Amino acid sequence: MTRRTFEYAAVPGFRPLLLDLHRGDAPGLAPLVVFVHGGGWRVGSRESFGPMFADTSPSPFERLAAAGFAVASVDYRLTGEAPFPAQLDDVSAAFAWLRDHATELGLDTGRIVVWGESAGGHLAALAGLRVQGVVAVVDWYGPADLTALDTDLAEAGLVAEPAPGSTETREALLLRDVAPAEASPVTYVHSGAPPFLLLHGKSDRFVPCAQSRRLAEALTAAGADVDLRLFDGAGHMWLGNPGLAATAFDLSLEFARTHCFGGHVA
């Protein structure tokens, strides 16, 4: 497997935006997984698939490459650098760069899966609904309806930290002067949406699983294909159930295979 780092965009006044491209040695054009990291939009990097995978070998990127995918793991501007929609603009710019360089990199950009966890799940869902050419979306415990996040936390017996209304919450730092609906995937659901796989722990204390339910309900109402899986005993980032991280990855890999290869690939 090869791993190469590319600068996919240079926004004046900001750091260069980078992506890592992981790819196996198989000839021909490889379907593409675009992976978007989590971290509450405040921290994180393209090198992380999530804390539960920090010490796994082979890494999730290596496993995807071994399964026949090229994997582009992208950085994006964090909220200390710019508010929304900068994060989605950056992910969209990565898609454009990958399409522009598809031939030289051996990418089949007619088969793109966008996959994200937490804040990255939120951005993956938005990209899947707003960027052309995505054939499937994998969203792990991503916020989906920012207009209802405080309500969902309260109904789950949870309190946002800092408290709701604070200008220092993760969501407030993301939005600044943007209306919550403008940054919510549920706002952009449409009948032509690609298939979604939504995975969420029922014990998530940061993003209640009601958020994934809301997105699943909106996709179903629009006539889109959605598979929602909620797991007992799992918190955010699969904390509390380490084995579930492996299960979630296996389910997601098979989902990506199905929509890129038409079924199981050994």
C-alpha atoms as a PDB file:
ATOM      1  CA  MET A   1       0.000   0.000   0.000  1.00  0.00           C
ATOM      2  CA  THR A   2       1.166   3.528  -0.743  1.00  0.00           C
ATOM      3  CA  ARG A   3       0.352   6.678   1.187  1.00  0.00           C
ATOM      4  CA  ARG A   4       0.917  10.065  -0.384  1.00  0.00           C
ATOM      5  CA  THR A   5       0.127  13.531   0.967  1.00  0.00           C
ATOM      6  CA  PHE A   6      -1.224  16.241  -1.323  1.00  0.00           C
ATOM      7  CA  GLU A   7      -2.166  19.882  -0.898  1.00  0.00           C
ATOM      8  CA  TYR A   8      -5.688  20.044  -2.298  1.00  0.00           C
ATOM      9  CA  ALA A   9      -6.410  23.718  -1.630  1.00  0.00           C
ATOM     10  CA  ALA A  10      -4.733  26.915  -0.486  1.00  0.00           C
ATOM     11  CA  VAL A  11      -7.175  29.367   1.070  1.00  0.00           C
ATOM     12  CA  PRO A  12      -5.593  32.843   1.423  1.00  0.00           C
ATOM     13  CA  GLY A  13      -4.807  33.545   5.063  1.00  0.00           C
ATOM     14  CA  PHE A  14      -5.040  29.921   6.205  1.00  0.00           C
ATOM     15  CA  ARG A  15      -2.768  26.900   6.433  1.00  0.00           C
ATOM     16  CA  PRO A  16      -2.489  24.689   3.350  1.00  0.00           C
ATOM     17  CA  LEU A  17      -5.233  22.077   3.250  1.00  0.00           C
ATOM     18  CA  LEU A  18      -3.913  18.539   2.924  1.00  0.00           C
ATOM     19  CA  LEU A  19      -5.245  15.081   2.205  1.00  0.00           C
ATOM     20  CA  ASP A  20      -3.605  11.674   2.529  1.00  0.00           C
ATOM     21  CA  LEU A  21      -4.298   9.235  -0.285  1.00  0.00           C
ATOM     22  CA  HIS A  22      -4.016   5.572   0.681  1.00  0.00           C
ATOM     23  CA  ARG A  23      -4.107   3.078  -2.157  1.00  0.00           C
ATOM     24  CA  GLY A  24      -3.290  -0.536  -2.856  1.00  0.00           C
ATOM     25  CA  ASP A  25      -1.218  -1.869  -5.720  1.00  0.00           C
ATOM     26  CA  ALA A  26      -4.054  -3.305  -7.825  1.00  0.00           C
ATOM     27  CA  PRO A  27      -4.095  -1.991 -11.400  1.00  0.00           C
ATOM     28  CA  GLY A  28      -6.966  -0.007 -12.847  1.00  0.00           C
ATOM     29  CA  LEU A  29      -9.210   2.637 -11.380  1.00  0.00           C
ATOM     30  CA  ALA A  30     -10.096   2.241  -7.708  1.00  0.00           C
ATOM     31  CA  PRO A  31     -13.385   3.378  -6.169  1.00  0.00           C
ATOM     32  CA  LEU A  32     -12.844   6.157  -3.674  1.00  0.00           C
ATOM     33  CA  VAL A  33     -13.634   6.531   0.010  1.00  0.00           C
ATOM     34  CA  VAL A  34     -13.409  10.138   1.186  1.00  0.00           C
ATOM     35  CA  PHE A  35     -12.918  10.011   4.966  1.00  0.00           C
ATOM     36  CA  VAL A  36     -13.711  13.041   7.153  1.00  0.00           C
ATOM     37  CA  HIS A  37     -12.306  13.057  10.699  1.00  0.00           C
ATOM     38  CA  GLY A  38     -14.114  14.022  13.882  1.00  0.00           C
ATOM     39  CA  GLY A  39     -13.155  16.241  16.810  1.00  0.00           C
ATOM     40  CA  GLY A  40     -16.139  18.518  17.417  1.00  0.00           C
ATOM     41  CA  TRP A  41     -15.039  20.677  14.451  1.00  0.00           C
ATOM     42  CA  ARG A  42     -12.393  22.064  16.862  1.00  0.00           C
ATOM     43  CA  VAL A  43      -9.605  19.472  16.828  1.00  0.00           C
ATOM     44  CA  GLY A  44      -8.549  16.359  14.938  1.00  0.00           C
ATOM     45  CA  SER A  45      -6.651  15.545  11.784  1.00  0.00           C
ATOM     46  CA  ARG A  46      -6.770  13.458   8.647  1.00  0.00           C
ATOM     47  CA  GLU A  47      -4.476  10.888  10.307  1.00  0.00           C
ATOM     48  CA  SER A  48      -7.130   9.711  12.797  1.00  0.00           C
ATOM     49  CA  PHE A  49      -9.987   7.294  12.150  1.00  0.00           C
ATOM     50  CA  GLY A  50     -11.158   7.794  15.739  1.00  0.00           C
ATOM     51  CA  PRO A  51      -9.604   7.002  19.129  1.00  0.00           C
ATOM     52  CA  MET A  52     -10.772   3.383  19.220  1.00  0.00           C
ATOM     53  CA  PHE A  53      -8.620   2.669  16.155  1.00  0.00           C
ATOM     54  CA  ALA A  54      -5.457   4.437  17.323  1.00  0.00           C
ATOM     55  CA  ASP A  55      -3.433   1.272  17.857  1.00  0.00           C
ATOM     56  CA  THR A  56      -5.061  -1.145  15.419  1.00  0.00           C
ATOM     57  CA  SER A  57      -2.929  -2.908  12.831  1.00  0.00           C
ATOM     58  CA  PRO A  58      -3.609  -2.958   9.995  1.00  0.00           C
ATOM     59  CA  SER A  59      -5.150   0.491  10.284  1.00  0.00           C
ATOM     60  CA  PRO A  60      -8.648   1.171   8.923  1.00  0.00           C
ATOM     61  CA  PHE A  61      -7.053   3.052   6.018  1.00  0.00           C
ATOM     62  CA  GLU A  62      -4.907   0.017   5.216  1.00  0.00           C
ATOM     63  CA  ARG A  63      -7.895  -2.321   5.430  1.00  0.00           C
ATOM     64  CA  LEU A  64      -9.892  -0.172   3.026  1.00  0.00           C
ATOM     65  CA  ALA A  65      -6.973  -0.054   0.598  1.00  0.00           C
ATOM     66  CA  ALA A  66      -6.577  -3.837   0.843  1.00  0.00           C
ATOM     67  CA  ALA A  67     -10.287  -4.177   0.004  1.00  0.00           C
ATOM     68  CA  GLY A  68      -9.722  -2.378  -3.299  1.00  0.00           C
ATOM     69  CA  PHE A  69     -10.515   1.217  -2.386  1.00  0.00           C
ATOM     70  CA  ALA A  70      -8.446   4.344  -2.642  1.00  0.00           C
ATOM     71  CA  VAL A  71      -8.927   6.355   0.553  1.00  0.00           C
ATOM     72  CA  ALA A  72      -8.614  10.125   0.683  1.00  0.00           C
ATOM     73  CA  SER A  73      -8.527  11.290   4.311  1.00  0.00           C
ATOM     74  CA  VAL A  74      -8.966  15.052   4.362  1.00  0.00           C
ATOM     75  CA  ASP A  75      -8.151  17.908   6.689  1.00  0.00           C
ATOM     76  CA  TYR A  76     -10.464  20.924   6.830  1.00  0.00           C
ATOM     77  CA  ARG A  77     -10.455  24.266   8.600  1.00  0.00           C
ATOM     78  CA  LEU A  78     -11.361  23.957  12.267  1.00  0.00           C
ATOM     79  CA  THR A  79     -13.620  26.371  14.125  1.00  0.00           C
ATOM     80  CA  GLY A  80     -10.660  28.230  15.602  1.00  0.00           C
ATOM     81  CA  GLU A  81      -9.767  29.100  12.019  1.00  0.00           C
ATOM     82  CA  ALA A  82     -13.146  29.749  10.368  1.00  0.00           C
ATOM     83  CA  PRO A  83     -16.853  29.180  11.028  1.00  0.00           C
ATOM     84  CA  PHE A  84     -19.294  27.187   8.921  1.00  0.00           C
ATOM     85  CA  PRO A  85     -19.558  26.776   5.941  1.00  0.00           C
ATOM     86  CA  ALA A  86     -15.748  26.768   5.659  1.00  0.00           C
ATOM     87  CA  GLN A  87     -15.592  23.124   6.762  1.00  0.00           C
ATOM     88  CA  LEU A  88     -18.043  21.966   4.089  1.00  0.00           C
ATOM     89  CA  ASP A  89     -16.403  24.216   1.505  1.00  0.00           C
ATOM     90  CA  ASP A  90     -13.084  22.489   2.227  1.00  0.00           C
ATOM     91  CA  VAL A  91     -14.517  18.984   1.916  1.00  0.00           C
ATOM     92  CA  SER A  92     -16.188  20.023  -1.342  1.00  0.00           C
ATOM     93  CA  ALA A  93     -12.857  21.423  -2.575  1.00  0.00           C
ATOM     94  CA  ALA A  94     -11.227  18.074  -1.818  1.00  0.00           C
ATOM     95  CA  PHE A  95     -13.840  16.340  -3.974  1.00  0.00           C
ATOM     96  CA  ALA A  96     -13.124  18.765  -6.818  1.00  0.00           C
ATOM     97  CA  TRP A  97      -9.363  18.260  -6.529  1.00  0.00           C
ATOM     98  CA  LEU A  98      -9.719  14.473  -6.528  1.00  0.00           C
ATOM     99  CA  ARG A  99     -11.877  14.611  -9.642  1.00  0.00           C
ATOM    100  CA  ASP A 100      -9.389  16.888 -11.379  1.00  0.00           C
ATOM    101  CA  HIS A 101      -6.531  14.461 -10.609  1.00  0.00           C
ATOM    102  CA  ALA A 102      -8.478  11.199 -10.947  1.00  0.00           C
ATOM    103  CA  THR A 103      -6.700   9.914 -14.045  1.00  0.00           C
ATOM    104  CA  GLU A 104      -3.161  10.401 -12.771  1.00  0.00           C
ATOM    105  CA  LEU A 105      -4.034   8.939  -9.365  1.00  0.00           C
ATOM    106  CA  GLY A 106      -6.036   5.993 -10.716  1.00  0.00           C
ATOM    107  CA  LEU A 107      -9.344   6.973  -9.106  1.00  0.00           C
ATOM    108  CA  ASP A 108     -12.827   6.036 -10.231  1.00  0.00           C
ATOM    109  CA  THR A 109     -14.712   9.163  -9.182  1.00  0.00           C
ATOM    110  CA  GLY A 110     -17.932   7.653 -10.459  1.00  0.00           C
ATOM    111  CA  ARG A 111     -17.824   5.465  -7.335  1.00  0.00           C
ATOM    112  CA  ILE A 112     -17.328   7.679  -4.267  1.00  0.00           C
ATOM    113  CA  VAL A 113     -18.323   6.827  -0.706  1.00  0.00           C
ATOM    114  CA  VAL A 114     -18.056   9.620   1.847  1.00  0.00           C
ATOM    115  CA  TRP A 115     -17.495   8.359   5.401  1.00  0.00           C
ATOM    116  CA  GLY A 116     -17.135  10.356   8.590  1.00  0.00           C
ATOM    117  CA  GLU A 117     -17.252  10.084  12.363  1.00  0.00           C
ATOM    118  CA  SER A 118     -18.784  12.592  14.803  1.00  0.00           C
ATOM    119  CA  ALA A 119     -18.207  16.102  13.379  1.00  0.00           C
ATOM    120  CA  GLY A 120     -16.882  14.313  10.309  1.00  0.00           C
ATOM    121  CA  GLY A 121     -20.121  12.342  10.120  1.00  0.00           C
ATOM    122  CA  HIS A 122     -22.006  15.632  10.065  1.00  0.00           C
ATOM    123  CA  LEU A 123     -19.811  16.898   7.216  1.00  0.00           C
ATOM    124  CA  ALA A 124     -20.015  13.555   5.382  1.00  0.00           C
ATOM    125  CA  ALA A 125     -23.817  13.703   5.523  1.00  0.00           C
ATOM    126  CA  LEU A 126     -23.832  17.272   4.212  1.00  0.00           C
ATOM    127  CA  ALA A 127     -21.417  16.353   1.423  1.00  0.00           C
ATOM    128  CA  GLY A 128     -23.474  13.326   0.474  1.00  0.00           C
ATOM    129  CA  LEU A 129     -26.573  15.471   0.181  1.00  0.00           C
ATOM    130  CA  ARG A 130     -24.981  18.472  -1.529  1.00  0.00           C
ATOM    131  CA  VAL A 131     -22.012  17.232  -3.583  1.00  0.00           C
ATOM    132  CA  GLN A 132     -22.732  15.492  -6.873  1.00  0.00           C
ATOM    133  CA  GLY A 133     -21.481  11.985  -7.564  1.00  0.00           C
ATOM    134  CA  VAL A 134     -21.547  10.393  -4.096  1.00  0.00           C
ATOM    135  CA  VAL A 135     -22.882   6.828  -4.317  1.00  0.00           C
ATOM    136  CA  ALA A 136     -23.151   6.155  -0.556  1.00  0.00           C
ATOM    137  CA  VAL A 137     -22.672   7.827   2.846  1.00  0.00           C
ATOM    138  CA  VAL A 138     -21.401   6.289   6.093  1.00  0.00           C
ATOM    139  CA  ASP A 139     -22.204   8.503   9.081  1.00  0.00           C
ATOM    140  CA  TRP A 140     -21.020   7.474  12.534  1.00  0.00           C
ATOM    141  CA  TYR A 141     -22.800   9.364  15.354  1.00  0.00           C
ATOM    142  CA  GLY A 142     -22.832  12.695  13.529  1.00  0.00           C
ATOM    143  CA  PRO A 143     -25.044  15.667  14.470  1.00  0.00           C
ATOM    144  CA  ALA A 144     -27.882  15.863  11.961  1.00  0.00           C
ATOM    145  CA  ASP A 145     -30.332  18.526  13.170  1.00  0.00           C
ATOM    146  CA  LEU A 146     -28.616  21.367  15.011  1.00  0.00           C
ATOM    147  CA  THR A 147     -31.966  23.080  15.578  1.00  0.00           C
ATOM    148  CA  ALA A 148     -33.003  20.195  17.847  1.00  0.00           C
ATOM    149  CA  LEU A 149     -29.716  19.232  19.499  1.00  0.00           C
ATOM    150  CA  ASP A 150     -30.451  20.904  22.847  1.00  0.00           C
ATOM    151  CA  THR A 151     -33.931  19.324  22.888  1.00  0.00           C
ATOM    152  CA  ASP A 152     -32.505  15.888  22.185  1.00  0.00           C
ATOM    153  CA  LEU A 153     -29.884  16.303  24.906  1.00  0.00           C
ATOM    154  CA  ALA A 154     -32.550  17.355  27.413  1.00  0.00           C
ATOM    155  CA  GLU A 155     -34.868  14.455  26.489  1.00  0.00           C
ATOM    156  CA  ALA A 156     -31.949  12.067  26.977  1.00  0.00           C
ATOM    157  CA  GLY A 157     -31.337  13.562  30.430  1.00  0.00           C
ATOM    158  CA  LEU A 158     -28.124  15.216  29.294  1.00  0.00           C
ATOM    159  CA  VAL A 159     -26.875  18.782  29.474  1.00  0.00           C
ATOM    160  CA  ALA A 160     -24.620  20.356  26.886  1.00  0.00           C
ATOM    161  CA  GLU A 161     -21.232  21.467  28.181  1.00  0.00           C
ATOM    162  CA  PRO A 162     -20.914  24.404  28.269  1.00  0.00           C
ATOM    163  CA  ALA A 163     -24.609  24.934  29.002  1.00  0.00           C
ATOM    164  CA  PRO A 164     -27.115  25.515  26.170  1.00  0.00           C
ATOM    165  CA  GLY A 165     -26.974  29.096  24.928  1.00  0.00           C
ATOM    166  CA  SER A 166     -23.278  29.480  25.653  1.00  0.00           C
ATOM    167  CA  THR A 167     -21.175  30.913  22.860  1.00  0.00           C
ATOM    168  CA  GLU A 168     -18.493  28.338  23.713  1.00  0.00           C
ATOM    169  CA  THR A 169     -20.294  25.117  22.802  1.00  0.00           C
ATOM    170  CA  ARG A 170     -18.920  23.147  19.880  1.00  0.00           C
ATOM    171  CA  GLU A 171     -22.004  23.997  17.858  1.00  0.00           C
ATOM    172  CA  ALA A 172     -21.889  27.731  18.693  1.00  0.00           C
ATOM    173  CA  LEU A 173     -18.245  27.911  17.638  1.00  0.00           C
ATOM    174  CA  LEU A 174     -19.142  26.188  14.383  1.00  0.00           C
ATOM    175  CA  LEU A 175     -22.152  28.354  13.583  1.00  0.00           C
ATOM    176  CA  ARG A 176     -21.202  31.836  14.840  1.00  0.00           C
ATOM    177  CA  ASP A 177     -23.742  33.892  12.832  1.00  0.00           C
ATOM    178  CA  VAL A 178     -25.117  31.019  10.733  1.00  0.00           C
ATOM    179  CA  ALA A 179     -28.644  29.742  11.477  1.00  0.00           C
ATOM    180  CA  PRO A 180     -28.561  26.158  12.817  1.00  0.00           C
ATOM    181  CA  ALA A 181     -30.826  24.904  10.028  1.00  0.00           C
ATOM    182  CA  GLU A 182     -28.291  26.046   7.416  1.00  0.00           C
ATOM    183  CA  ALA A 183     -25.692  23.658   8.840  1.00  0.00           C
ATOM    184  CA  SER A 184     -28.071  20.723   9.443  1.00  0.00           C
ATOM    185  CA  PRO A 185     -28.070  17.702   7.121  1.00  0.00           C
ATOM    186  CA  VAL A 186     -31.829  17.211   7.635  1.00  0.00           C
ATOM    187  CA  THR A 187     -32.393  20.532   5.869  1.00  0.00           C
ATOM    188  CA  TYR A 188     -30.918  19.200   2.624  1.00  0.00           C
ATOM    189  CA  VAL A 189     -32.522  15.755   2.420  1.00  0.00           C
ATOM    190  CA  HIS A 190     -34.019  15.099  -1.015  1.00  0.00           C
ATOM    191  CA  SER A 191     -35.470  12.195  -2.959  1.00  0.00           C
ATOM    192  CA  GLY A 192     -32.273  11.700  -4.950  1.00  0.00           C
ATOM    193  CA  ALA A 193     -30.088  11.313  -1.848  1.00  0.00           C
ATOM    194  CA  PRO A 194     -27.543   8.468  -1.976  1.00  0.00           C
ATOM    195  CA  PRO A 195     -27.970   5.485   0.360  1.00  0.00           C
ATOM    196  CA  PHE A 196     -27.014   6.225   3.972  1.00  0.00           C
ATOM    197  CA  LEU A 197     -25.656   3.962   6.699  1.00  0.00           C
ATOM    198  CA  LEU A 198     -26.163   5.589  10.117  1.00  0.00           C
ATOM    199  CA  LEU A 199     -24.462   3.976  13.122  1.00  0.00           C
ATOM    200  CA  HIS A 200     -24.916   5.376  16.641  1.00  0.00           C
ATOM    201  CA  GLY A 201     -24.505   4.244  20.245  1.00  0.00           C
ATOM    202  CA  LYS A 202     -27.581   4.527  22.445  1.00  0.00           C
ATOM    203  CA  SER A 203     -25.440   5.753  25.370  1.00  0.00           C
ATOM    204  CA  ASP A 204     -23.876   8.645  23.437  1.00  0.00           C
ATOM    205  CA  ARG A 205     -23.606  11.585  25.875  1.00  0.00           C
ATOM    206  CA  PHE A 206     -22.349  14.104  23.321  1.00  0.00           C
ATOM    207  CA  VAL A 207     -24.550  13.544  20.258  1.00  0.00           C
ATOM    208  CA  PRO A 208     -27.793  11.800  21.293  1.00  0.00           C
ATOM    209  CA  CYS A 209     -28.841   8.944  19.033  1.00  0.00           C
ATOM    210  CA  ALA A 210     -32.082  10.872  18.412  1.00  0.00           C
ATOM    211  CA  GLN A 211     -30.018  12.924  15.965  1.00  0.00           C
ATOM    212  CA  SER A 212     -29.453   9.893  13.733  1.00  0.00           C
ATOM    213  CA  ARG A 213     -33.116   8.943  14.125  1.00  0.00           C
ATOM    214  CA  ARG A 214     -34.118  12.381  12.858  1.00  0.00           C
ATOM    215  CA  LEU A 215     -31.939  12.031   9.780  1.00  0.00           C
ATOM    216  CA  ALA A 216     -33.185   8.496   9.117  1.00  0.00           C
ATOM    217  CA  GLU A 217     -36.797   9.658   9.382  1.00  0.00           C
ATOM    218  CA  ALA A 218     -36.178  12.543   6.979  1.00  0.00           C
ATOM    219  CA  LEU A 219     -34.446  10.282   4.450  1.00  0.00           C
ATOM    220  CA  THR A 220     -37.222   7.692   4.676  1.00  0.00           C
ATOM    221  CA  ALA A 221     -39.895  10.363   4.208  1.00  0.00           C
ATOM    222  CA  ALA A 222     -38.079  11.562   1.072  1.00  0.00           C
ATOM    223  CA  GLY A 223     -37.980   8.029  -0.335  1.00  0.00           C
ATOM    224  CA  ALA A 224     -34.211   7.639   0.068  1.00  0.00           C
ATOM    225  CA  ASP A 225     -32.465   4.428   1.133  1.00  0.00           C
ATOM    226  CA  VAL A 226     -31.284   4.460   4.755  1.00  0.00           C
ATOM    227  CA  ASP A 227     -30.017   1.815   7.172  1.00  0.00           C
ATOM    228  CA  LEU A 228     -30.067   2.996  10.803  1.00  0.00           C
ATOM    229  CA  ARG A 229     -28.326   0.863  13.430  1.00  0.00           C
ATOM    230  CA  LEU A 230     -28.467   1.845  17.123  1.00  0.00           C
ATOM    231  CA  PHE A 231     -26.262  -0.063  19.563  1.00  0.00           C
ATOM    232  CA  ASP A 232     -26.766  -0.764  23.261  1.00  0.00           C
ATOM    233  CA  GLY A 233     -23.966  -0.014  25.700  1.00  0.00           C
ATOM    234  CA  ALA A 234     -21.989   2.233  23.380  1.00  0.00           C
ATOM    235  CA  GLY A 235     -21.152   5.873  23.929  1.00  0.00           C
ATOM    236  CA  HIS A 236     -19.673   8.458  21.615  1.00  0.00           C
ATOM    237  CA  MET A 237     -16.726   7.138  19.576  1.00  0.00           C
ATOM    238  CA  TRP A 238     -17.862   3.610  20.629  1.00  0.00           C
ATOM    239  CA  LEU A 239     -16.571   4.266  24.160  1.00  0.00           C
ATOM    240  CA  GLY A 240     -17.761   1.648  26.637  1.00  0.00           C
ATOM    241  CA  ASN A 241     -17.905  -1.091  24.012  1.00  0.00           C
ATOM    242  CA  PRO A 242     -14.499  -1.479  22.311  1.00  0.00           C
ATOM    243  CA  GLY A 243     -15.591  -4.508  20.302  1.00  0.00           C
ATOM    244  CA  LEU A 244     -18.310  -2.470  18.674  1.00  0.00           C
ATOM    245  CA  ALA A 245     -15.767  -0.291  16.892  1.00  0.00           C
ATOM    246  CA  ALA A 246     -14.645  -3.348  14.924  1.00  0.00           C
ATOM    247  CA  THR A 247     -18.257  -4.318  14.242  1.00  0.00           C
ATOM    248  CA  ALA A 248     -19.076  -0.808  13.038  1.00  0.00           C
ATOM    249  CA  PHE A 249     -16.083  -0.836  10.713  1.00  0.00           C
ATOM    250  CA  ASP A 250     -17.003  -4.237   9.264  1.00  0.00           C
ATOM    251  CA  LEU A 251     -20.603  -3.149   8.655  1.00  0.00           C
ATOM    252  CA  SER A 252     -19.431   0.054   7.024  1.00  0.00           C
ATOM    253  CA  LEU A 253     -16.873  -1.676   4.820  1.00  0.00           C
ATOM    254  CA  GLU A 254     -19.492  -4.145   3.588  1.00  0.00           C
ATOM    255  CA  PHE A 255     -21.892  -1.250   2.903  1.00  0.00           C
ATOM    256  CA  ALA A 256     -19.209   0.533   0.877  1.00  0.00           C
ATOM    257  CA  ARG A 257     -18.387  -2.666  -1.026  1.00  0.00           C
ATOM    258  CA  THR A 258     -22.029  -3.234  -1.862  1.00  0.00           C
ATOM    259  CA  HIS A 259     -22.459   0.212  -3.362  1.00  0.00           C
ATOM    260  CA  CYS A 260     -19.122   0.267  -5.197  1.00  0.00           C
ATOM    261  CA  PHE A 261     -18.644  -3.357  -6.223  1.00  0.00           C
ATOM    262  CA  GLY A 262     -22.238  -4.585  -6.243  1.00  0.00           C
ATOM    263  CA  GLY A 263     -21.767  -7.045  -3.431  1.00  0.00           C
ATOM    264  CA  HIS A 264     -19.270  -8.791  -1.198  1.00  0.00           C
ATOM    265  CA  VAL A 265     -15.619  -8.635  -2.206  1.00  0.00           C
ATOM    266  CA  ALA A 266     -13.257 -10.940  -0.335  1.00  0.00           C
END
